[in-house]
Protein backbone atom coordinates (compact mmCIF):
# COMPACT_ATOMS: atom_id res chain seq x y z
CA MET A 1 -75.12 39.69 -113.15
CA VAL A 2 -74.88 40.81 -116.74
CA TRP A 3 -76.00 44.27 -117.29
CA GLN A 4 -79.40 44.27 -119.15
CA PRO A 5 -81.51 47.27 -120.32
CA ILE A 6 -84.44 47.82 -118.00
CA GLU A 7 -86.95 46.85 -120.45
CA VAL A 8 -85.36 43.29 -120.74
CA ARG A 9 -85.24 42.94 -116.96
CA GLN A 10 -88.93 44.09 -116.77
CA ALA A 11 -89.98 41.61 -119.40
CA THR A 12 -88.13 38.83 -117.83
CA GLU A 13 -89.83 39.61 -114.49
CA THR A 14 -93.21 39.77 -116.12
CA VAL A 15 -92.62 36.40 -117.79
CA ARG A 16 -91.52 34.86 -114.59
CA ARG A 17 -94.74 35.97 -112.84
CA VAL A 18 -97.08 35.30 -115.70
CA TRP A 19 -96.36 31.96 -117.04
CA PRO A 20 -97.69 29.94 -114.05
CA LEU A 21 -100.82 32.06 -114.08
CA LEU A 22 -101.39 31.14 -117.73
CA VAL A 23 -100.87 27.34 -116.98
CA VAL A 24 -103.31 27.41 -113.98
CA ARG A 25 -105.98 29.35 -115.86
CA GLY A 26 -105.51 27.09 -118.80
CA VAL A 27 -105.90 23.92 -116.75
CA LEU A 28 -108.99 25.42 -115.08
CA MET A 29 -110.40 26.34 -118.52
CA ALA A 30 -109.71 23.02 -119.88
CA VAL A 31 -111.40 21.19 -116.94
CA PHE A 32 -114.48 23.41 -117.44
CA GLY A 33 -114.51 22.57 -121.02
CA LEU A 34 -114.28 18.75 -120.39
CA ALA A 35 -116.97 19.06 -117.71
CA THR A 36 -119.14 20.89 -120.23
CA LEU A 37 -118.50 18.12 -122.84
CA VAL A 38 -119.29 15.43 -120.28
CA TRP A 39 -122.44 16.97 -118.95
CA PRO A 40 -123.76 19.36 -121.63
CA SER A 41 -127.35 19.30 -120.44
CA LEU A 42 -126.30 20.23 -116.77
CA THR A 43 -124.04 23.09 -118.27
CA ALA A 44 -127.07 24.52 -119.99
CA VAL A 45 -129.22 24.36 -116.78
CA VAL A 46 -126.40 25.86 -114.63
CA LEU A 47 -125.99 28.72 -117.29
CA ILE A 48 -129.59 29.42 -117.07
CA ALA A 49 -129.48 29.31 -113.25
CA VAL A 50 -126.56 31.77 -113.19
CA PHE A 51 -128.58 34.09 -115.35
CA GLY A 52 -131.63 33.75 -113.10
CA ALA A 53 -129.60 34.61 -110.02
CA TYR A 54 -127.96 37.50 -111.82
CA ALA A 55 -131.34 38.78 -112.95
CA VAL A 56 -132.83 38.52 -109.47
CA VAL A 57 -130.00 40.40 -107.79
CA ASP A 58 -129.83 43.10 -110.54
CA GLY A 59 -133.67 43.42 -110.18
CA ILE A 60 -133.51 43.90 -106.49
CA ILE A 61 -130.77 46.48 -106.78
CA THR A 62 -132.75 48.28 -109.51
CA LEU A 63 -135.96 48.13 -107.38
CA ALA A 64 -134.08 49.55 -104.37
CA TYR A 65 -132.83 52.44 -106.58
CA GLY A 66 -136.30 53.06 -107.94
CA PHE A 67 -137.78 53.24 -104.43
CA SER A 68 -135.18 55.65 -103.41
CA ARG A 69 -135.89 57.85 -106.36
CA ARG A 70 -139.62 57.72 -105.49
CA ARG A 71 -139.03 58.67 -101.90
CA SER A 72 -137.05 61.68 -103.01
CA ARG A 73 -139.67 62.52 -105.43
CA GLN A 74 -137.44 62.10 -108.53
CA GLY A 75 -139.66 59.66 -110.43
CA GLY A 76 -138.46 56.16 -110.45
CA ASN A 77 -141.31 54.34 -112.03
CA GLY A 78 -139.36 53.15 -114.90
CA TRP A 79 -136.62 51.88 -112.45
CA LEU A 80 -139.38 49.98 -110.58
CA LEU A 81 -140.82 48.54 -113.72
CA GLN A 82 -137.37 47.44 -115.01
CA GLY A 83 -136.43 45.93 -111.62
CA GLY A 84 -139.78 44.12 -111.31
CA ILE A 85 -139.32 42.44 -114.76
CA ALA A 86 -135.69 41.49 -114.01
CA VAL A 87 -136.83 39.76 -110.62
CA VAL A 88 -139.64 37.97 -112.44
CA ALA A 89 -137.42 36.90 -115.35
CA GLY A 90 -134.81 35.69 -112.88
CA LEU A 91 -137.28 33.73 -110.76
CA ILE A 92 -138.67 32.05 -113.90
CA ALA A 93 -135.26 31.18 -114.98
CA LEU A 94 -134.50 29.74 -111.56
CA PHE A 95 -137.64 27.76 -111.02
CA TRP A 96 -138.21 26.67 -114.59
CA PRO A 97 -134.85 26.49 -116.26
CA ALA A 98 -136.00 24.05 -119.11
CA ALA A 99 -138.85 26.44 -119.95
CA THR A 100 -136.64 29.41 -119.81
CA GLY A 101 -134.15 27.83 -122.18
CA ALA A 102 -136.93 26.73 -124.55
CA VAL A 103 -138.50 30.19 -124.66
CA VAL A 104 -135.00 31.76 -125.33
CA LEU A 105 -134.21 29.38 -128.09
CA PHE A 106 -137.73 29.82 -129.50
CA VAL A 107 -137.18 33.52 -129.73
CA LEU A 108 -133.67 33.13 -131.05
CA GLY A 109 -135.00 30.56 -133.57
CA PHE A 110 -137.60 32.85 -134.96
CA TRP A 111 -134.84 35.63 -135.22
CA ALA A 112 -132.56 33.32 -137.19
CA LEU A 113 -135.48 32.19 -139.36
CA LEU A 114 -136.47 35.69 -140.27
CA ILE A 115 -132.85 36.88 -140.84
CA GLY A 116 -132.21 33.79 -142.98
CA VAL A 117 -135.24 34.58 -145.05
CA VAL A 118 -134.20 38.19 -145.60
CA ILE A 119 -130.51 37.09 -146.46
CA ALA A 120 -131.79 34.43 -148.89
CA ALA A 121 -134.00 37.06 -150.52
CA ILE A 122 -131.08 39.39 -150.87
CA GLY A 123 -129.16 36.68 -152.57
CA LEU A 124 -131.92 36.02 -155.00
CA GLN A 125 -131.97 39.82 -155.76
CA LEU A 126 -128.26 39.90 -156.32
CA ARG A 127 -128.68 37.13 -158.93
CA ARG A 128 -129.77 39.78 -161.35
CA THR A 129 -126.80 42.23 -160.64
CA SER A 130 -124.05 39.95 -159.54
CA PRO A 131 -124.02 36.58 -161.32
CA ARG A 132 -121.00 35.35 -159.40
CA PHE A 133 -121.79 36.40 -155.95
CA TRP A 134 -125.51 35.77 -155.42
CA TRP A 135 -125.31 32.21 -154.24
CA ALA A 136 -123.32 33.15 -151.01
CA PRO A 137 -126.05 35.08 -149.40
CA LEU A 138 -128.68 32.55 -150.61
CA VAL A 139 -126.65 29.61 -149.02
CA LEU A 140 -126.12 31.76 -145.77
CA GLY A 141 -129.79 32.71 -145.60
CA LEU A 142 -130.93 29.09 -146.12
CA LEU A 143 -128.54 27.90 -143.41
CA GLY A 144 -129.99 30.55 -141.13
CA VAL A 145 -133.58 29.25 -141.89
CA VAL A 146 -132.64 25.64 -141.17
CA PHE A 147 -130.71 26.70 -137.93
CA GLY A 148 -133.79 28.60 -136.83
CA LEU A 149 -136.25 25.80 -137.55
CA ILE A 150 -133.98 23.44 -135.56
CA MET A 151 -133.92 25.82 -132.62
CA ILE A 152 -137.67 26.28 -132.68
CA PHE A 153 -138.49 22.58 -133.01
CA GLN A 154 -135.54 21.00 -131.15
CA PRO A 155 -134.68 23.36 -128.28
CA ALA A 156 -133.40 20.71 -125.93
CA GLU A 157 -131.06 19.27 -128.45
CA THR A 158 -129.98 22.80 -129.60
CA MET A 159 -129.22 23.81 -125.98
CA VAL A 160 -127.09 20.58 -125.53
CA ALA A 161 -125.23 21.31 -128.93
CA LEU A 162 -124.55 24.78 -127.92
CA ALA A 163 -123.19 23.70 -124.51
CA SER A 164 -121.01 21.08 -126.28
CA ILE A 165 -119.67 23.75 -128.63
CA LEU A 166 -118.90 25.86 -125.60
CA GLY A 167 -117.07 22.81 -124.12
CA VAL A 168 -114.96 22.35 -127.18
CA LEU A 169 -113.93 25.93 -127.44
CA THR A 170 -113.23 26.27 -123.73
CA LEU A 171 -111.15 22.99 -123.75
CA LEU A 172 -109.14 24.21 -126.77
CA GLY A 173 -108.64 27.61 -125.24
CA GLY A 174 -107.45 26.02 -122.01
CA VAL A 175 -104.96 23.86 -123.87
CA MET A 176 -103.76 26.94 -125.74
CA LEU A 177 -103.27 28.86 -122.51
CA VAL A 178 -101.28 25.95 -120.92
CA ALA A 179 -99.11 25.66 -124.07
CA GLY A 180 -98.46 29.37 -124.06
CA GLY A 181 -97.56 29.48 -120.39
CA LEU A 182 -95.18 26.47 -120.82
CA ARG A 183 -93.74 28.16 -123.88
CA LEU A 184 -93.16 31.32 -121.84
CA ARG A 185 -91.48 29.31 -119.06
CA LYS A 186 -89.24 27.57 -121.65
CA LEU A 187 -88.22 31.05 -123.04
CA GLN A 188 -87.45 32.19 -119.56
CA LEU A 189 -85.25 29.29 -118.76
CA GLY A 190 -83.56 29.18 -122.07
């Protein structure tokens, strides 16, 4: 064996252990991305269901903590309220995922609409002080308004589009992880 400084040996050992993990994670990520692209509506429903399950479990834990604080006479009403809201929100998400998605997109749509109007107004105000720059916030604000209106009036299509974007990004991320892992393997062997 040729003598190598300890840093080189440690790096080589790390590469030997890491590259297969990157490849496996990349493949799983790419498969998830493909599944999301093939079934974007199902992906949206599953994501809402995962949120619902999380909210119910989190709410139950918060309720338990609130009850323990009340028993020990340390208050706890705020914890009970928070836990109750979380459980109700989680159950709504689990039993009415389409309505939950629509409400979330409705709220986000109004938010995007209002922010878009504000940014567009800023752009119009900048027209007086910055004749070269004013159009960028105006365009961004108008895009926000359009996106907000789409979210409000087409929530199902928006949810499918967002799931599809998630699928593309996840697929690309998985491919990059696989490529990076294989590149590390090649460096180790070379």
